[in-house]
């Protein structure tokens, strides 16, 4: 799991005359702090955009720490059960009984076939631990939950909207792989899917696939 991770990794109402400027200011501030609007004010991994095209961007992510769990089954099953297990850890199921800060995104590792037609029915589900490293993160009481840190990593990122399904995730990854191939960049078929929004968000949902260069 470590090698795989290493290869890759929700206002007060105000008058309408002030709403638009405030929103614009917030977006500028979030981008300056490395937390873009689609994080909705919630901590996300810090990154720098190295390159941006009409189809994708290359990001350099700062070192991050994650709570991870292995979750067998389809994307729908793994994301639901994996998140539940990780949420228990974040909500205090750790040796310190510490409640950790909510973050985004929830990520899943996909291991796809070469043509992205299907993937292994087993996923690593990961929850970003802001401000923590392997030493300072509270030790899980659930032996299935592991803490893992990565160094600085780069990934090619494609965004898409809507409620993600296994099929739409694989399709986005395939599209990104093909776009990168046209630019002479070959990527691994093991990739991250980043889920930014819970089911209560019905519109303007934001999803991403992160591919690492092979």
N, C-alpha and C. Protein backbone atom coordinates (compact mmCIF):
# COMPACT_ATOMS: atom_id res chain seq x y z
N UNK A 1 0.83 -1.19 0.00
CA UNK A 1 0.00 0.00 0.00
C UNK A 1 0.87 1.25 0.00
N UNK A 2 2.02 1.22 0.73
CA UNK A 2 2.88 2.37 0.80
C UNK A 2 3.44 2.73 -0.56
N UNK A 3 3.88 1.73 -1.31
CA UNK A 3 4.42 2.02 -2.63
C UNK A 3 3.36 2.59 -3.54
N UNK A 4 2.14 2.10 -3.41
CA UNK A 4 1.04 2.63 -4.23
C UNK A 4 0.76 4.07 -3.87
N UNK A 5 0.73 4.35 -2.59
CA UNK A 5 0.46 5.72 -2.16
C UNK A 5 1.60 6.64 -2.57
N UNK A 6 2.83 6.11 -2.47
CA UNK A 6 3.98 6.93 -2.79
C UNK A 6 4.03 7.28 -4.26
N UNK A 7 3.57 6.35 -5.10
CA UNK A 7 3.53 6.62 -6.53
C UNK A 7 2.58 7.75 -6.86
N UNK A 8 1.70 7.79 -6.28
CA UNK A 8 0.76 8.84 -6.67
C UNK A 8 0.89 10.06 -5.77
N UNK A 9 -0.98 9.60 -3.79
CA UNK A 9 -1.64 10.15 -2.67
C UNK A 9 -3.11 10.49 -2.77
N UNK A 10 -17.75 22.54 3.67
CA UNK A 10 -18.80 23.01 3.78
C UNK A 10 -18.73 24.69 4.56
N UNK A 11 -23.52 30.59 5.31
CA UNK A 11 -22.71 31.73 5.84
C UNK A 11 -23.74 32.72 6.25
N UNK A 12 -23.25 33.20 6.92
CA UNK A 12 -24.30 34.12 7.35
C UNK A 12 -24.89 34.83 6.14
N UNK A 13 -26.30 35.09 6.18
CA UNK A 13 -26.93 35.82 5.09
C UNK A 13 -26.60 37.30 5.22
N UNK A 14 -26.25 37.93 4.14
CA UNK A 14 -25.97 39.36 4.12
C UNK A 14 -26.70 39.96 2.94
N UNK A 15 -26.72 41.26 2.88
CA UNK A 15 -27.47 41.91 1.80
C UNK A 15 -26.89 41.55 0.46
N UNK A 16 -27.76 41.54 -0.55
CA UNK A 16 -27.33 41.11 -1.88
C UNK A 16 -26.27 42.03 -2.45
N UNK A 17 -26.20 43.26 -2.01
CA UNK A 17 -25.22 44.19 -2.55
C UNK A 17 -23.80 43.83 -2.14
N UNK A 18 -23.64 43.04 -1.06
CA UNK A 18 -22.33 42.65 -0.60
C UNK A 18 -22.01 41.20 -0.89
N UNK A 19 -22.99 40.41 -1.26
CA UNK A 19 -22.79 38.96 -1.41
C UNK A 19 -21.76 38.64 -2.47
N UNK A 20 -21.89 39.24 -3.66
CA UNK A 20 -20.97 38.90 -4.74
C UNK A 20 -19.54 39.30 -4.44
N UNK A 21 -19.26 40.56 -3.96
CA UNK A 21 -17.89 40.91 -3.62
C UNK A 21 -17.30 40.02 -2.55
N UNK A 22 -18.08 39.68 -1.54
CA UNK A 22 -17.57 38.82 -0.48
C UNK A 22 -17.21 37.46 -1.02
N UNK A 23 -18.07 36.91 -1.88
CA UNK A 23 -17.79 35.61 -2.47
C UNK A 23 -16.52 35.65 -3.29
N UNK A 24 -16.35 36.72 -4.08
CA UNK A 24 -15.16 36.83 -4.90
C UNK A 24 -13.91 36.93 -4.04
N UNK A 25 -14.00 37.74 -2.95
CA UNK A 25 -12.86 37.88 -2.04
C UNK A 25 -12.50 36.54 -1.41
N UNK A 26 -13.52 35.79 -1.01
CA UNK A 26 -13.28 34.49 -0.38
C UNK A 26 -12.58 33.55 -1.34
N UNK A 27 -13.01 33.55 -2.61
CA UNK A 27 -12.38 32.67 -3.58
C UNK A 27 -10.92 33.02 -3.77
N UNK A 28 -10.62 34.34 -3.87
CA UNK A 28 -9.24 34.77 -4.03
C UNK A 28 -8.41 34.34 -2.83
N UNK A 29 -8.97 34.53 -1.63
CA UNK A 29 -8.24 34.17 -0.41
C UNK A 29 -8.00 32.68 -0.34
N UNK A 30 -9.02 31.88 -0.67
CA UNK A 30 -8.87 30.43 -0.61
C UNK A 30 -7.79 29.96 -1.57
N UNK A 31 -7.78 30.53 -2.78
CA UNK A 31 -6.78 30.13 -3.75
C UNK A 31 -5.39 30.51 -3.25
N UNK A 32 -5.26 31.69 -2.62
CA UNK A 32 -3.97 32.12 -2.11
C UNK A 32 -3.48 31.20 -1.01
N UNK A 33 -4.40 30.64 -0.24
CA UNK A 33 -4.03 29.74 0.84
C UNK A 33 -3.91 28.30 0.39
N UNK A 34 -4.10 28.04 -0.88
CA UNK A 34 -4.01 26.68 -1.37
C UNK A 34 -5.26 25.87 -1.15
N UNK A 35 -6.36 26.53 -0.75
CA UNK A 35 -7.63 25.83 -0.57
C UNK A 35 -8.63 26.40 -1.56
N UNK A 36 -8.78 25.79 -2.71
CA UNK A 36 -9.62 26.34 -3.77
C UNK A 36 -11.10 26.29 -3.44
N UNK A 37 -11.94 27.00 -4.19
CA UNK A 37 -13.37 27.09 -3.88
C UNK A 37 -14.06 25.74 -3.74
N UNK A 38 -13.65 24.75 -4.52
CA UNK A 38 -14.34 23.46 -4.44
C UNK A 38 -14.09 22.73 -3.13
N UNK A 39 -13.16 23.22 -2.30
CA UNK A 39 -13.00 22.66 -0.96
C UNK A 39 -14.03 23.23 0.01
N UNK A 40 -14.76 24.26 -0.40
CA UNK A 40 -15.87 24.86 0.36
C UNK A 40 -15.45 25.26 1.78
N UNK A 41 -14.24 25.82 1.90
CA UNK A 41 -13.76 26.30 3.18
C UNK A 41 -13.22 25.23 4.10
N UNK A 42 -13.18 24.00 3.64
CA UNK A 42 -12.67 22.88 4.44
C UNK A 42 -11.22 22.63 4.07
N UNK A 43 -10.35 22.28 5.03
CA UNK A 43 -8.95 22.04 4.69
C UNK A 43 -8.78 20.95 3.64
N UNK A 44 -7.92 21.23 2.69
CA UNK A 44 -7.55 20.28 1.63
C UNK A 44 -6.03 20.22 1.55
N UNK A 45 -5.47 19.21 0.94
CA UNK A 45 -4.02 19.17 0.77
C UNK A 45 -3.51 20.38 0.00
N UNK A 46 -2.40 20.94 0.44
CA UNK A 46 -1.80 22.08 -0.25
C UNK A 46 -1.10 21.62 -1.51
N UNK A 47 -1.24 22.43 -2.55
CA UNK A 47 -0.56 22.10 -3.80
C UNK A 47 -0.26 23.36 -4.59
N UNK A 48 0.65 23.21 -5.53
CA UNK A 48 0.98 24.26 -6.49
C UNK A 48 0.62 23.76 -7.87
N UNK A 49 -0.04 24.60 -8.67
CA UNK A 49 -0.32 24.23 -10.06
C UNK A 49 0.92 24.55 -10.88
N UNK A 50 1.55 23.50 -11.39
CA UNK A 50 2.77 23.64 -12.18
C UNK A 50 2.44 23.93 -13.64
N UNK A 51 1.39 23.29 -14.12
CA UNK A 51 1.00 23.45 -15.53
C UNK A 51 -0.51 23.30 -15.62
N UNK A 52 -1.14 24.09 -16.50
CA UNK A 52 -2.58 23.99 -16.67
C UNK A 52 -2.93 24.08 -18.15
N UNK A 53 -3.74 23.14 -18.62
CA UNK A 53 -4.24 23.16 -19.99
C UNK A 53 -5.76 23.19 -19.94
N UNK A 54 -6.38 23.16 -21.09
CA UNK A 54 -7.84 23.15 -21.13
C UNK A 54 -8.42 21.82 -20.66
N UNK A 55 -7.57 20.78 -20.60
CA UNK A 55 -8.05 19.44 -20.26
C UNK A 55 -7.59 18.94 -18.90
N UNK A 56 -6.50 19.46 -18.39
CA UNK A 56 -5.96 18.93 -17.13
C UNK A 56 -5.00 19.95 -16.53
N UNK A 57 -4.56 19.65 -15.30
CA UNK A 57 -3.49 20.42 -14.70
C UNK A 57 -2.51 19.50 -14.00
N UNK A 58 -1.27 19.93 -13.95
CA UNK A 58 -0.24 19.22 -13.21
C UNK A 58 -0.06 19.92 -11.88
N UNK A 59 -0.26 19.17 -10.80
CA UNK A 59 -0.12 19.72 -9.45
C UNK A 59 1.08 19.11 -8.74
N UNK A 60 1.73 19.93 -7.95
CA UNK A 60 2.77 19.44 -7.04
C UNK A 60 2.21 19.57 -5.63
N UNK A 61 1.95 18.43 -5.01
CA UNK A 61 1.36 18.39 -3.68
C UNK A 61 2.44 18.45 -2.61
N UNK A 62 2.17 19.22 -1.56
CA UNK A 62 3.05 19.25 -0.40
C UNK A 62 2.95 17.92 0.35
N UNK A 63 3.92 17.61 1.22
CA UNK A 63 3.83 16.38 2.01
C UNK A 63 2.51 16.32 2.79
N UNK A 64 1.91 15.15 2.82
CA UNK A 64 0.61 14.97 3.46
C UNK A 64 0.60 13.69 4.29
N UNK A 65 -0.34 13.63 5.23
CA UNK A 65 -0.53 12.44 6.06
C UNK A 65 -1.98 12.02 5.95
N UNK A 66 -2.18 10.72 5.86
CA UNK A 66 -3.51 10.15 5.62
C UNK A 66 -3.79 9.02 6.60
N UNK A 67 -5.06 8.90 7.00
CA UNK A 67 -5.56 7.68 7.64
C UNK A 67 -6.15 6.83 6.53
N UNK A 68 -5.74 5.58 6.46
CA UNK A 68 -6.15 4.73 5.35
C UNK A 68 -6.75 3.42 5.84
N UNK A 69 -7.56 2.83 4.98
CA UNK A 69 -8.15 1.53 5.29
C UNK A 69 -8.36 0.79 3.98
N UNK A 70 -8.18 -0.52 4.01
CA UNK A 70 -8.49 -1.36 2.84
C UNK A 70 -9.97 -1.69 2.85
N UNK A 71 -10.64 -1.47 1.71
CA UNK A 71 -12.08 -1.70 1.62
C UNK A 71 -12.39 -2.51 0.37
N UNK A 72 -12.75 -3.77 0.53
CA UNK A 72 -13.08 -4.61 -0.63
C UNK A 72 -14.42 -4.25 -1.23
N UNK A 73 -14.60 -4.64 -2.49
CA UNK A 73 -15.88 -4.45 -3.16
C UNK A 73 -15.84 -3.33 -4.19
N UNK A 74 -16.99 -3.02 -4.71
CA UNK A 74 -17.15 -1.98 -5.72
C UNK A 74 -16.82 -0.61 -5.14
N UNK A 75 -16.71 0.38 -6.02
CA UNK A 75 -16.48 1.76 -5.57
C UNK A 75 -17.55 2.20 -4.58
N UNK A 76 -18.83 1.92 -4.90
CA UNK A 76 -19.93 2.36 -4.03
C UNK A 76 -19.81 1.73 -2.65
N UNK A 77 -19.51 0.45 -2.59
CA UNK A 77 -19.38 -0.26 -1.32
C UNK A 77 -18.13 0.21 -0.56
N UNK A 78 -17.02 0.28 -1.27
CA UNK A 78 -15.76 0.64 -0.63
C UNK A 78 -15.79 2.07 -0.10
N UNK A 79 -16.35 3.00 -0.87
CA UNK A 79 -16.38 4.39 -0.42
C UNK A 79 -17.27 4.56 0.80
N UNK A 80 -18.40 3.86 0.82
CA UNK A 80 -19.34 3.97 1.95
C UNK A 80 -18.76 3.33 3.20
N UNK A 81 -18.30 2.09 3.07
CA UNK A 81 -17.79 1.37 4.24
C UNK A 81 -16.44 1.90 4.68
N UNK A 82 -15.58 2.24 3.73
CA UNK A 82 -14.28 2.80 4.07
C UNK A 82 -14.41 4.13 4.79
N UNK A 83 -15.28 5.00 4.29
CA UNK A 83 -15.49 6.29 4.95
C UNK A 83 -16.02 6.10 6.37
N UNK A 84 -16.97 5.18 6.53
CA UNK A 84 -17.54 4.95 7.87
C UNK A 84 -16.45 4.53 8.85
N UNK A 85 -15.57 3.66 8.41
CA UNK A 85 -14.49 3.19 9.28
C UNK A 85 -13.52 4.32 9.61
N UNK A 86 -13.17 5.12 8.61
CA UNK A 86 -12.26 6.23 8.84
C UNK A 86 -12.91 7.33 9.67
N UNK A 87 -14.21 7.55 9.48
CA UNK A 87 -14.90 8.58 10.27
C UNK A 87 -14.90 8.23 11.75
N UNK A 88 -15.02 6.96 12.06
CA UNK A 88 -14.96 6.55 13.47
C UNK A 88 -13.61 6.94 14.08
N UNK A 89 -12.55 6.73 13.32
CA UNK A 89 -11.22 7.13 13.79
C UNK A 89 -11.16 8.64 14.00
N UNK A 90 -11.60 9.40 13.02
CA UNK A 90 -11.56 10.86 13.08
C UNK A 90 -12.45 11.39 14.20
N UNK A 91 -13.54 10.67 14.51
CA UNK A 91 -14.50 11.11 15.52
C UNK A 91 -14.11 10.68 16.93
N UNK A 92 -12.92 10.10 17.08
CA UNK A 92 -12.44 9.78 18.42
C UNK A 92 -12.07 8.35 18.69
N UNK A 93 -12.22 7.46 17.72
CA UNK A 93 -11.83 6.06 17.92
C UNK A 93 -10.33 5.93 17.74
N UNK A 94 -9.60 6.57 18.64
CA UNK A 94 -8.15 6.51 18.66
C UNK A 94 -7.70 6.53 20.12
N UNK A 95 -6.46 6.20 20.37
CA UNK A 95 -5.98 6.03 21.74
C UNK A 95 -6.09 7.30 22.58
N UNK A 96 -6.04 8.47 21.95
CA UNK A 96 -6.18 9.73 22.68
C UNK A 96 -7.63 10.19 22.79
N UNK A 97 -8.55 9.49 22.13
CA UNK A 97 -9.94 9.92 22.11
C UNK A 97 -10.11 11.28 21.45
N UNK A 98 -9.18 11.61 20.57
CA UNK A 98 -9.14 12.93 19.95
C UNK A 98 -10.05 13.02 18.74
N UNK A 99 -10.84 14.09 18.66
CA UNK A 99 -11.66 14.35 17.47
C UNK A 99 -10.84 15.22 16.52
N UNK A 100 -10.67 14.73 15.31
CA UNK A 100 -9.84 15.42 14.35
C UNK A 100 -10.66 16.31 13.43
N UNK A 101 -9.98 17.27 12.82
CA UNK A 101 -10.66 18.24 11.96
C UNK A 101 -11.16 17.58 10.68
N UNK A 102 -12.34 18.00 10.24
CA UNK A 102 -12.88 17.52 8.98
C UNK A 102 -12.08 18.06 7.81
N UNK A 103 -11.86 17.23 6.81
CA UNK A 103 -11.06 17.63 5.66
C UNK A 103 -11.70 17.12 4.37
N UNK A 104 -11.14 17.53 3.27
CA UNK A 104 -11.47 17.02 1.94
C UNK A 104 -10.16 16.87 1.17
N UNK A 105 -10.14 16.03 0.17
CA UNK A 105 -11.19 15.11 -0.26
C UNK A 105 -11.03 13.76 0.40
N UNK A 106 -12.07 12.93 0.28
CA UNK A 106 -11.92 11.51 0.56
C UNK A 106 -11.36 10.91 -0.72
N UNK A 107 -10.31 10.13 -0.61
CA UNK A 107 -9.69 9.58 -1.81
C UNK A 107 -9.74 8.06 -1.79
N UNK A 108 -9.81 7.51 -2.98
CA UNK A 108 -9.76 6.06 -3.17
C UNK A 108 -8.74 5.74 -4.24
N UNK A 109 -7.99 4.67 -4.01
CA UNK A 109 -7.05 4.21 -5.02
C UNK A 109 -7.73 3.19 -5.91
N UNK A 110 -7.65 3.41 -7.19
CA UNK A 110 -8.18 2.50 -8.20
C UNK A 110 -7.01 1.82 -8.90
N UNK A 111 -7.14 0.51 -9.09
CA UNK A 111 -6.18 -0.24 -9.90
C UNK A 111 -6.93 -0.72 -11.13
N UNK A 112 -6.74 -0.03 -12.24
CA UNK A 112 -7.53 -0.27 -13.44
C UNK A 112 -6.81 -1.19 -14.42
N UNK A 113 -7.61 -1.83 -15.29
CA UNK A 113 -7.05 -2.56 -16.41
C UNK A 113 -6.41 -1.56 -17.37
N UNK A 114 -5.58 -2.07 -18.27
CA UNK A 114 -4.87 -1.17 -19.18
C UNK A 114 -5.80 -0.29 -20.00
N UNK A 115 -6.98 -0.81 -20.34
CA UNK A 115 -7.92 -0.03 -21.15
C UNK A 115 -8.96 0.72 -20.31
N UNK A 116 -8.80 0.67 -19.01
CA UNK A 116 -9.70 1.35 -18.06
C UNK A 116 -11.14 0.87 -18.15
N UNK A 117 -11.34 -0.34 -18.65
CA UNK A 117 -12.69 -0.88 -18.77
C UNK A 117 -13.24 -1.34 -17.43
N UNK A 118 -12.36 -1.73 -16.53
CA UNK A 118 -12.77 -2.16 -15.20
C UNK A 118 -11.58 -2.03 -14.26
N UNK A 119 -11.84 -2.26 -12.97
CA UNK A 119 -10.79 -2.12 -11.97
C UNK A 119 -10.92 -3.22 -10.94
N UNK A 120 -9.87 -3.40 -10.15
CA UNK A 120 -9.92 -4.35 -9.05
C UNK A 120 -11.01 -3.96 -8.07
N UNK A 121 -11.70 -4.95 -7.55
CA UNK A 121 -12.78 -4.70 -6.59
C UNK A 121 -12.23 -4.69 -5.17
N UNK A 122 -11.23 -3.87 -4.99
CA UNK A 122 -10.60 -3.65 -3.69
C UNK A 122 -9.92 -2.29 -3.76
N UNK A 123 -10.16 -1.45 -2.77
CA UNK A 123 -9.66 -0.08 -2.82
C UNK A 123 -9.01 0.30 -1.50
N UNK A 124 -7.97 1.12 -1.58
CA UNK A 124 -7.48 1.81 -0.40
C UNK A 124 -8.25 3.12 -0.30
N UNK A 125 -8.91 3.35 0.84
CA UNK A 125 -9.66 4.58 1.07
C UNK A 125 -8.83 5.42 2.04
N UNK A 126 -8.66 6.70 1.72
CA UNK A 126 -7.77 7.55 2.52
C UNK A 126 -8.44 8.86 2.91
N UNK A 127 -8.21 9.27 4.17
CA UNK A 127 -8.77 10.51 4.75
C UNK A 127 -7.60 11.41 5.12
N UNK A 128 -7.57 12.60 4.57
CA UNK A 128 -6.48 13.55 4.80
C UNK A 128 -6.47 14.06 6.24
N UNK A 129 -5.31 14.00 6.89
CA UNK A 129 -5.14 14.46 8.26
C UNK A 129 -4.37 15.78 8.24
N UNK A 130 -5.10 16.90 8.33
CA UNK A 130 -4.44 18.20 8.25
C UNK A 130 -3.62 18.47 9.50
N UNK A 131 -2.41 18.99 9.31
CA UNK A 131 -1.56 19.36 10.42
C UNK A 131 -0.98 18.20 11.20
N UNK A 132 -1.02 17.00 10.63
CA UNK A 132 -0.51 15.83 11.33
C UNK A 132 0.59 15.17 10.52
N UNK A 133 1.44 14.43 11.22
CA UNK A 133 2.36 13.52 10.56
C UNK A 133 2.23 12.16 11.24
N UNK A 134 3.05 11.22 10.87
CA UNK A 134 2.91 9.87 11.42
C UNK A 134 3.13 9.85 12.93
N UNK A 135 3.95 10.77 13.44
CA UNK A 135 4.23 10.80 14.87
C UNK A 135 3.11 11.48 15.66
N UNK A 136 2.56 12.57 15.13
CA UNK A 136 1.57 13.34 15.88
C UNK A 136 0.14 12.87 15.68
N UNK A 137 -0.12 12.10 14.64
CA UNK A 137 -1.48 11.58 14.43
C UNK A 137 -1.81 10.58 15.53
N UNK A 138 -2.99 10.68 16.17
CA UNK A 138 -3.34 9.73 17.23
C UNK A 138 -3.41 8.31 16.69
N UNK A 139 -2.96 7.37 17.51
CA UNK A 139 -2.92 5.98 17.07
C UNK A 139 -4.33 5.40 17.01
N UNK A 140 -4.71 4.78 15.90
CA UNK A 140 -6.06 4.20 15.78
C UNK A 140 -6.26 3.06 16.76
N UNK A 141 -7.49 2.91 17.24
CA UNK A 141 -7.82 1.73 18.04
C UNK A 141 -8.27 0.58 17.15
N UNK A 142 -8.62 0.88 15.93
CA UNK A 142 -8.98 -0.13 14.93
C UNK A 142 -7.73 -0.52 14.17
N UNK A 143 -7.35 -1.80 14.28
CA UNK A 143 -6.13 -2.25 13.62
C UNK A 143 -6.19 -2.14 12.11
N UNK A 144 -7.37 -2.04 11.54
CA UNK A 144 -7.49 -1.91 10.09
C UNK A 144 -7.13 -0.51 9.60
N UNK A 145 -7.14 0.47 10.48
CA UNK A 145 -6.82 1.85 10.10
C UNK A 145 -5.31 2.06 10.24
N UNK A 146 -4.69 2.51 9.17
CA UNK A 146 -3.26 2.76 9.16
C UNK A 146 -3.00 4.23 8.88
N UNK A 147 -1.91 4.75 9.44
CA UNK A 147 -1.51 6.13 9.20
C UNK A 147 -0.30 6.12 8.28
N UNK A 148 -0.37 6.94 7.24
CA UNK A 148 0.70 6.93 6.25
C UNK A 148 0.99 8.35 5.77
N UNK A 149 2.26 8.68 5.69
CA UNK A 149 2.66 9.99 5.20
C UNK A 149 3.36 9.86 3.86
N UNK A 150 3.17 10.85 3.01
CA UNK A 150 3.87 10.91 1.74
C UNK A 150 4.69 12.19 1.68
N UNK A 151 5.74 12.15 0.91
CA UNK A 151 6.51 13.36 0.66
C UNK A 151 5.86 14.19 -0.42
N UNK A 152 6.61 15.13 -0.95
CA UNK A 152 6.11 15.96 -2.05
C UNK A 152 5.88 15.08 -3.27
N UNK A 153 4.68 15.17 -3.85
CA UNK A 153 4.32 14.33 -4.99
C UNK A 153 3.66 15.16 -6.07
N UNK A 154 3.83 14.72 -7.31
CA UNK A 154 3.17 15.39 -8.44
C UNK A 154 2.14 14.47 -9.06
N UNK A 155 1.06 15.05 -9.57
CA UNK A 155 0.00 14.27 -10.21
C UNK A 155 -0.68 15.12 -11.27
N UNK A 156 -1.11 14.44 -12.33
CA UNK A 156 -1.93 15.07 -13.36
C UNK A 156 -3.39 14.92 -12.95
N UNK A 157 -4.15 16.01 -13.01
CA UNK A 157 -5.49 16.06 -12.43
C UNK A 157 -6.53 16.48 -13.46
N UNK A 158 -7.60 15.71 -13.52
CA UNK A 158 -8.76 16.06 -14.35
C UNK A 158 -9.98 16.13 -13.45
N UNK A 159 -10.77 17.20 -13.59
CA UNK A 159 -11.98 17.40 -12.79
C UNK A 159 -13.22 17.04 -13.59
N UNK A 160 -14.23 16.57 -12.87
CA UNK A 160 -15.53 16.33 -13.51
C UNK A 160 -16.62 16.48 -12.46
N UNK A 161 -17.85 16.69 -12.91
CA UNK A 161 -18.94 17.01 -11.99
C UNK A 161 -19.92 15.86 -11.89
N UNK A 162 -20.95 16.05 -11.10
CA UNK A 162 -22.01 15.06 -10.95
C UNK A 162 -21.72 14.07 -9.84
N UNK A 163 -22.66 13.14 -9.67
CA UNK A 163 -22.47 12.06 -8.70
C UNK A 163 -21.61 10.98 -9.35
N UNK A 164 -20.44 10.76 -8.82
CA UNK A 164 -19.49 9.83 -9.44
C UNK A 164 -19.95 8.39 -9.29
N UNK A 165 -19.71 7.62 -10.32
CA UNK A 165 -19.92 6.18 -10.30
C UNK A 165 -18.61 5.53 -10.70
N UNK A 166 -18.53 4.24 -10.49
CA UNK A 166 -17.32 3.54 -10.91
C UNK A 166 -17.05 3.77 -12.39
N UNK A 167 -18.10 3.70 -13.19
CA UNK A 167 -17.96 3.90 -14.63
C UNK A 167 -17.48 5.30 -14.98
N UNK A 168 -18.05 6.33 -14.34
CA UNK A 168 -17.64 7.70 -14.67
C UNK A 168 -16.23 7.99 -14.20
N UNK A 169 -15.81 7.36 -13.11
CA UNK A 169 -14.44 7.54 -12.62
C UNK A 169 -13.45 6.93 -13.60
N UNK A 170 -13.71 5.70 -14.01
CA UNK A 170 -12.83 5.05 -14.97
C UNK A 170 -12.80 5.80 -16.29
N UNK A 171 -13.94 6.31 -16.72
CA UNK A 171 -14.01 7.07 -17.96
C UNK A 171 -13.17 8.35 -17.88
N UNK A 172 -13.25 9.05 -16.74
CA UNK A 172 -12.46 10.27 -16.58
C UNK A 172 -10.97 9.95 -16.57
N UNK A 173 -10.60 8.86 -15.90
CA UNK A 173 -9.19 8.46 -15.87
C UNK A 173 -8.70 8.08 -17.26
N UNK A 174 -9.52 7.36 -18.01
CA UNK A 174 -9.15 6.99 -19.38
C UNK A 174 -8.97 8.23 -20.25
N UNK A 175 -9.92 9.17 -20.15
CA UNK A 175 -9.82 10.41 -20.93
C UNK A 175 -8.53 11.15 -20.60
N UNK A 176 -8.21 11.24 -19.31
CA UNK A 176 -7.00 11.94 -18.90
C UNK A 176 -5.76 11.23 -19.42
N UNK A 177 -5.75 9.92 -19.30
CA UNK A 177 -4.62 9.14 -19.79
C UNK A 177 -4.39 9.37 -21.28
N UNK A 178 -5.47 9.37 -22.04
CA UNK A 178 -5.36 9.58 -23.49
C UNK A 178 -4.90 10.99 -23.82
N UNK A 179 -5.40 11.98 -23.08
CA UNK A 179 -4.97 13.36 -23.30
C UNK A 179 -3.49 13.53 -23.00
N UNK A 180 -3.03 12.89 -21.93
CA UNK A 180 -1.62 12.97 -21.57
C UNK A 180 -0.75 12.24 -22.59
N UNK A 181 -1.23 11.11 -23.07
CA UNK A 181 -0.48 10.35 -24.07
C UNK A 181 -0.24 11.18 -25.32
N UNK A 182 -1.22 11.97 -25.72
CA UNK A 182 -1.06 12.85 -26.88
C UNK A 182 0.06 13.87 -26.64
N UNK A 183 0.29 14.19 -25.37
CA UNK A 183 1.35 15.13 -25.01
C UNK A 183 2.66 14.42 -24.69
N UNK A 184 2.72 13.12 -25.00
CA UNK A 184 3.94 12.35 -24.77
C UNK A 184 4.15 11.94 -23.34
N UNK A 185 3.10 11.91 -22.54
CA UNK A 185 3.22 11.55 -21.12
C UNK A 185 2.48 10.26 -20.87
N UNK A 186 3.18 9.25 -20.42
CA UNK A 186 2.57 7.96 -20.10
C UNK A 186 2.33 7.88 -18.60
N UNK A 187 1.18 7.35 -18.21
CA UNK A 187 0.80 7.33 -16.80
C UNK A 187 0.47 5.93 -16.32
N UNK A 188 0.50 5.76 -15.02
CA UNK A 188 0.15 4.49 -14.39
C UNK A 188 -1.35 4.30 -14.38
N UNK A 189 -1.79 3.04 -14.51
CA UNK A 189 -3.23 2.75 -14.43
C UNK A 189 -3.69 2.60 -12.98
N UNK A 190 -2.78 2.73 -12.03
CA UNK A 190 -3.16 2.84 -10.62
C UNK A 190 -3.26 4.33 -10.31
N UNK A 191 -4.43 4.77 -9.89
CA UNK A 191 -4.65 6.21 -9.75
C UNK A 191 -5.55 6.52 -8.56
N UNK A 192 -5.57 7.79 -8.18
CA UNK A 192 -6.44 8.29 -7.12
C UNK A 192 -7.74 8.84 -7.71
N UNK A 193 -8.86 8.57 -7.03
CA UNK A 193 -10.10 9.31 -7.24
C UNK A 193 -10.32 10.16 -6.01
N UNK A 194 -10.61 11.45 -6.21
CA UNK A 194 -10.82 12.38 -5.10
C UNK A 194 -12.27 12.84 -5.07
N UNK A 195 -12.96 12.51 -3.98
CA UNK A 195 -14.37 12.84 -3.78
C UNK A 195 -14.48 14.03 -2.83
N UNK A 196 -14.96 15.16 -3.32
CA UNK A 196 -14.98 16.38 -2.52
C UNK A 196 -16.31 16.66 -1.83
N UNK A 197 -17.41 16.09 -2.33
CA UNK A 197 -18.73 16.46 -1.83
C UNK A 197 -19.52 15.28 -1.32
N UNK A 198 -20.21 15.47 -0.19
CA UNK A 198 -21.10 14.45 0.34
C UNK A 198 -22.40 14.43 -0.44
N UNK A 199 -23.25 13.45 -0.14
CA UNK A 199 -24.49 13.29 -0.90
C UNK A 199 -25.47 14.44 -0.75
N UNK A 200 -25.28 15.29 0.27
CA UNK A 200 -26.18 16.42 0.47
C UNK A 200 -25.94 17.53 -0.56
N UNK A 201 -24.81 17.50 -1.22
CA UNK A 201 -24.50 18.48 -2.27
C UNK A 201 -25.08 17.97 -3.58
N UNK A 202 -26.10 18.65 -4.09
CA UNK A 202 -26.82 18.16 -5.27
C UNK A 202 -26.35 18.79 -6.57
N UNK A 203 -25.82 20.00 -6.51
CA UNK A 203 -25.35 20.67 -7.73
C UNK A 203 -23.92 21.15 -7.53
N UNK A 204 -23.28 21.46 -8.64
CA UNK A 204 -21.89 21.95 -8.61
C UNK A 204 -20.97 21.01 -7.84
N UNK A 205 -21.20 19.73 -7.99
CA UNK A 205 -20.33 18.76 -7.34
C UNK A 205 -18.97 18.73 -8.03
N UNK A 206 -17.95 18.41 -7.26
CA UNK A 206 -16.59 18.42 -7.80
C UNK A 206 -15.89 17.10 -7.50
N UNK A 207 -15.42 16.46 -8.54
CA UNK A 207 -14.66 15.21 -8.42
C UNK A 207 -13.37 15.35 -9.22
N UNK A 208 -12.39 14.56 -8.86
CA UNK A 208 -11.12 14.58 -9.61
C UNK A 208 -10.54 13.18 -9.72
N UNK A 209 -9.79 12.96 -10.78
CA UNK A 209 -8.89 11.81 -10.86
C UNK A 209 -7.47 12.35 -10.89
N UNK A 210 -6.59 11.67 -10.16
CA UNK A 210 -5.18 12.05 -10.09
C UNK A 210 -4.35 10.91 -10.66
N UNK A 211 -3.62 11.18 -11.72
CA UNK A 211 -2.77 10.17 -12.33
C UNK A 211 -1.30 10.56 -12.18
N UNK A 212 -0.48 9.58 -11.89
CA UNK A 212 0.96 9.81 -11.77
C UNK A 212 1.65 9.34 -13.03
N UNK A 213 2.73 10.00 -13.37
CA UNK A 213 3.51 9.59 -14.53
C UNK A 213 4.13 8.23 -14.28
N UNK A 214 4.10 7.39 -15.30
CA UNK A 214 4.63 6.03 -15.16
C UNK A 214 6.15 6.06 -15.06
